[in-house]
N, C-alpha and C. Protein backbone atom coordinates (compact mmCIF):
# COMPACT_ATOMS: atom_id res chain seq x y z
N MET A 1 28.92 -27.42 36.57
CA MET A 1 28.75 -28.54 35.64
C MET A 1 27.65 -29.45 36.16
N ILE A 2 26.98 -30.09 35.26
CA ILE A 2 25.92 -31.03 35.61
C ILE A 2 26.52 -32.21 36.36
N LYS A 3 25.91 -32.58 37.47
CA LYS A 3 26.41 -33.70 38.26
C LYS A 3 26.03 -35.02 37.62
N GLY A 4 26.98 -35.95 37.60
CA GLY A 4 26.73 -37.30 37.13
C GLY A 4 26.76 -37.45 35.63
N GLY A 5 27.47 -38.47 35.19
CA GLY A 5 27.45 -38.84 33.78
C GLY A 5 28.47 -38.17 32.89
N TYR A 6 28.79 -36.93 33.13
CA TYR A 6 29.72 -36.21 32.27
C TYR A 6 31.04 -35.97 32.99
N ALA A 7 32.14 -36.11 32.27
CA ALA A 7 33.47 -35.87 32.85
C ALA A 7 33.82 -34.39 32.81
N GLY A 8 33.09 -33.62 31.98
CA GLY A 8 33.33 -32.18 31.92
C GLY A 8 34.39 -31.75 30.94
N LYS A 9 34.92 -32.70 30.15
CA LYS A 9 35.96 -32.37 29.18
C LYS A 9 35.69 -33.04 27.84
N LEU A 10 36.19 -32.42 26.80
CA LEU A 10 36.18 -32.99 25.45
C LEU A 10 37.63 -33.10 25.00
N LEU A 11 38.00 -34.22 24.41
CA LEU A 11 39.37 -34.43 23.94
C LEU A 11 39.37 -34.46 22.42
N PHE A 12 40.20 -33.64 21.83
CA PHE A 12 40.34 -33.57 20.38
C PHE A 12 41.74 -34.04 20.02
N VAL A 13 41.83 -35.04 19.14
CA VAL A 13 43.12 -35.59 18.72
C VAL A 13 43.25 -35.41 17.22
N ASN A 14 44.25 -34.66 16.80
CA ASN A 14 44.54 -34.46 15.38
C ASN A 14 45.63 -35.45 15.00
N LEU A 15 45.26 -36.52 14.30
CA LEU A 15 46.21 -37.57 13.95
C LEU A 15 47.20 -37.12 12.88
N THR A 16 46.81 -36.16 12.07
CA THR A 16 47.70 -35.66 11.02
C THR A 16 48.85 -34.86 11.61
N ASP A 17 48.53 -33.96 12.53
CA ASP A 17 49.54 -33.07 13.10
C ASP A 17 50.08 -33.56 14.45
N GLY A 18 49.46 -34.58 15.03
CA GLY A 18 49.88 -35.10 16.33
C GLY A 18 49.56 -34.17 17.49
N ILE A 19 48.50 -33.38 17.34
CA ILE A 19 48.12 -32.42 18.37
C ILE A 19 46.95 -32.98 19.19
N ILE A 20 47.08 -32.92 20.50
CA ILE A 20 46.03 -33.34 21.42
C ILE A 20 45.58 -32.12 22.19
N ASP A 21 44.26 -31.86 22.19
CA ASP A 21 43.72 -30.67 22.82
C ASP A 21 42.51 -31.05 23.69
N SER A 22 42.53 -30.62 24.92
CA SER A 22 41.42 -30.86 25.84
C SER A 22 40.66 -29.55 26.03
N LYS A 23 39.33 -29.62 25.85
CA LYS A 23 38.50 -28.44 26.01
C LYS A 23 37.39 -28.76 27.01
N PRO A 24 36.95 -27.76 27.78
CA PRO A 24 35.87 -28.02 28.74
C PRO A 24 34.53 -28.23 28.03
N LEU A 25 33.72 -29.12 28.58
CA LEU A 25 32.35 -29.33 28.09
C LEU A 25 31.47 -28.30 28.77
N SER A 26 30.89 -27.42 27.99
CA SER A 26 30.04 -26.39 28.58
C SER A 26 28.71 -27.00 29.03
N GLU A 27 28.17 -26.43 30.08
CA GLU A 27 26.87 -26.91 30.58
C GLU A 27 25.79 -26.70 29.53
N GLU A 28 25.88 -25.60 28.78
CA GLU A 28 24.89 -25.33 27.72
C GLU A 28 24.89 -26.44 26.68
N LEU A 29 26.08 -26.87 26.25
CA LEU A 29 26.19 -27.93 25.25
C LEU A 29 25.62 -29.24 25.81
N ALA A 30 25.91 -29.55 27.06
CA ALA A 30 25.43 -30.79 27.68
C ALA A 30 23.92 -30.79 27.84
N VAL A 31 23.33 -29.63 28.09
CA VAL A 31 21.88 -29.55 28.28
C VAL A 31 21.14 -29.51 26.95
N ARG A 32 21.65 -28.74 26.00
CA ARG A 32 20.96 -28.60 24.71
C ARG A 32 21.07 -29.84 23.83
N PHE A 33 22.19 -30.53 23.89
CA PHE A 33 22.43 -31.70 23.03
C PHE A 33 22.73 -32.90 23.90
N VAL A 34 21.70 -33.46 24.51
CA VAL A 34 21.83 -34.50 25.52
C VAL A 34 22.47 -35.75 24.95
N GLY A 35 23.42 -36.31 25.69
CA GLY A 35 24.02 -37.59 25.36
C GLY A 35 25.12 -37.51 24.32
N GLY A 36 25.77 -38.65 24.13
CA GLY A 36 26.88 -38.73 23.20
C GLY A 36 26.49 -38.44 21.76
N TYR A 37 25.32 -38.94 21.34
CA TYR A 37 24.88 -38.70 19.96
C TYR A 37 24.66 -37.21 19.70
N GLY A 38 23.98 -36.56 20.59
CA GLY A 38 23.66 -35.14 20.41
C GLY A 38 24.90 -34.26 20.43
N ILE A 39 25.74 -34.46 21.44
CA ILE A 39 26.96 -33.66 21.56
C ILE A 39 27.89 -33.95 20.38
N GLY A 40 28.04 -35.21 20.04
CA GLY A 40 28.90 -35.58 18.91
C GLY A 40 28.41 -35.00 17.60
N ALA A 41 27.10 -35.05 17.36
CA ALA A 41 26.55 -34.49 16.12
C ALA A 41 26.78 -32.99 16.05
N ARG A 42 26.61 -32.31 17.17
CA ARG A 42 26.81 -30.86 17.18
C ARG A 42 28.28 -30.49 16.90
N ILE A 43 29.20 -31.20 17.52
CA ILE A 43 30.62 -30.92 17.31
C ILE A 43 31.02 -31.23 15.87
N LEU A 44 30.56 -32.34 15.32
CA LEU A 44 30.88 -32.67 13.93
C LEU A 44 30.28 -31.64 12.98
N HIS A 45 29.08 -31.17 13.28
CA HIS A 45 28.43 -30.15 12.44
C HIS A 45 29.27 -28.87 12.42
N GLU A 46 29.85 -28.51 13.55
CA GLU A 46 30.68 -27.31 13.63
C GLU A 46 32.03 -27.50 12.94
N MET A 47 32.59 -28.71 13.01
CA MET A 47 33.95 -28.95 12.50
C MET A 47 34.00 -29.29 11.01
N MET A 48 32.96 -29.93 10.49
CA MET A 48 32.99 -30.40 9.10
C MET A 48 32.67 -29.27 8.13
N LYS A 49 33.42 -29.23 7.04
CA LYS A 49 33.13 -28.27 5.98
C LYS A 49 31.99 -28.82 5.13
N LYS A 50 31.18 -27.94 4.58
CA LYS A 50 30.06 -28.36 3.74
C LYS A 50 30.57 -29.05 2.48
N GLY A 51 29.99 -30.21 2.18
CA GLY A 51 30.32 -30.94 0.97
C GLY A 51 31.61 -31.73 1.01
N VAL A 52 32.22 -31.89 2.17
CA VAL A 52 33.48 -32.63 2.27
C VAL A 52 33.23 -34.11 2.01
N ASP A 53 34.20 -34.76 1.38
CA ASP A 53 34.14 -36.19 1.12
C ASP A 53 34.28 -36.93 2.45
N PRO A 54 33.28 -37.76 2.83
CA PRO A 54 33.35 -38.42 4.13
C PRO A 54 34.55 -39.35 4.29
N LEU A 55 35.11 -39.81 3.20
CA LEU A 55 36.29 -40.68 3.27
C LEU A 55 37.57 -39.94 2.87
N GLY A 56 37.48 -38.64 2.70
CA GLY A 56 38.63 -37.84 2.28
C GLY A 56 39.45 -37.34 3.46
N PRO A 57 40.57 -36.70 3.16
CA PRO A 57 41.48 -36.22 4.21
C PRO A 57 40.93 -35.07 5.06
N ASP A 58 39.93 -34.36 4.58
CA ASP A 58 39.35 -33.25 5.34
C ASP A 58 38.21 -33.69 6.24
N SER A 59 37.88 -34.98 6.22
CA SER A 59 36.78 -35.49 7.02
C SER A 59 37.19 -35.59 8.49
N VAL A 60 36.19 -35.62 9.36
CA VAL A 60 36.41 -35.72 10.80
C VAL A 60 35.74 -36.98 11.31
N LEU A 61 36.44 -37.72 12.15
CA LEU A 61 35.88 -38.92 12.79
C LEU A 61 35.63 -38.59 14.25
N GLY A 62 34.42 -38.82 14.72
CA GLY A 62 34.09 -38.54 16.11
C GLY A 62 33.71 -39.80 16.86
N ILE A 63 34.28 -39.98 18.04
CA ILE A 63 33.93 -41.08 18.93
C ILE A 63 33.51 -40.44 20.24
N VAL A 64 32.23 -40.58 20.57
CA VAL A 64 31.69 -39.88 21.74
C VAL A 64 30.90 -40.88 22.59
N SER A 65 31.13 -40.85 23.88
CA SER A 65 30.36 -41.71 24.78
C SER A 65 29.29 -40.86 25.47
N GLY A 66 28.26 -41.52 25.91
CA GLY A 66 27.16 -40.82 26.55
C GLY A 66 27.25 -40.83 28.06
N PRO A 67 26.35 -40.11 28.71
CA PRO A 67 26.40 -40.00 30.17
C PRO A 67 26.00 -41.28 30.92
N LEU A 68 25.42 -42.25 30.24
CA LEU A 68 25.03 -43.48 30.91
C LEU A 68 26.14 -44.53 30.96
N ASN A 69 27.23 -44.29 30.25
CA ASN A 69 28.35 -45.25 30.28
C ASN A 69 28.89 -45.34 31.70
N ALA A 70 29.26 -46.52 32.07
CA ALA A 70 29.87 -46.81 33.38
C ALA A 70 28.90 -46.59 34.55
N THR A 71 27.59 -46.50 34.28
CA THR A 71 26.63 -46.35 35.37
C THR A 71 25.96 -47.66 35.72
N GLY A 72 26.06 -48.65 34.82
CA GLY A 72 25.36 -49.92 35.04
C GLY A 72 23.95 -49.90 34.51
N ALA A 73 23.48 -48.75 34.02
CA ALA A 73 22.11 -48.63 33.52
C ALA A 73 21.90 -49.42 32.24
N LEU A 74 22.96 -49.66 31.50
CA LEU A 74 22.85 -50.35 30.22
C LEU A 74 23.11 -51.85 30.34
N ALA A 75 23.45 -52.33 31.52
CA ALA A 75 23.75 -53.75 31.73
C ALA A 75 22.47 -54.57 31.66
N MET A 76 22.59 -55.71 31.07
CA MET A 76 21.41 -56.58 30.96
C MET A 76 21.58 -57.79 31.81
């Protein structure tokens, strides 16, 4: 795994079914889609059905943090 910034895991929470699933963050995903925005966009692209209503029950909400969180790099 890439050193620094990444915890190496992705957490998926299904609020409808009450299922919590932890999956490993692959190094390929971390390198190809850098940061929270890139990784989050890729996961949402894979999970969302084409043409789904963004406010409907089949929609997916993603909250993703990037590798710079908790490093102090963003402090002003």
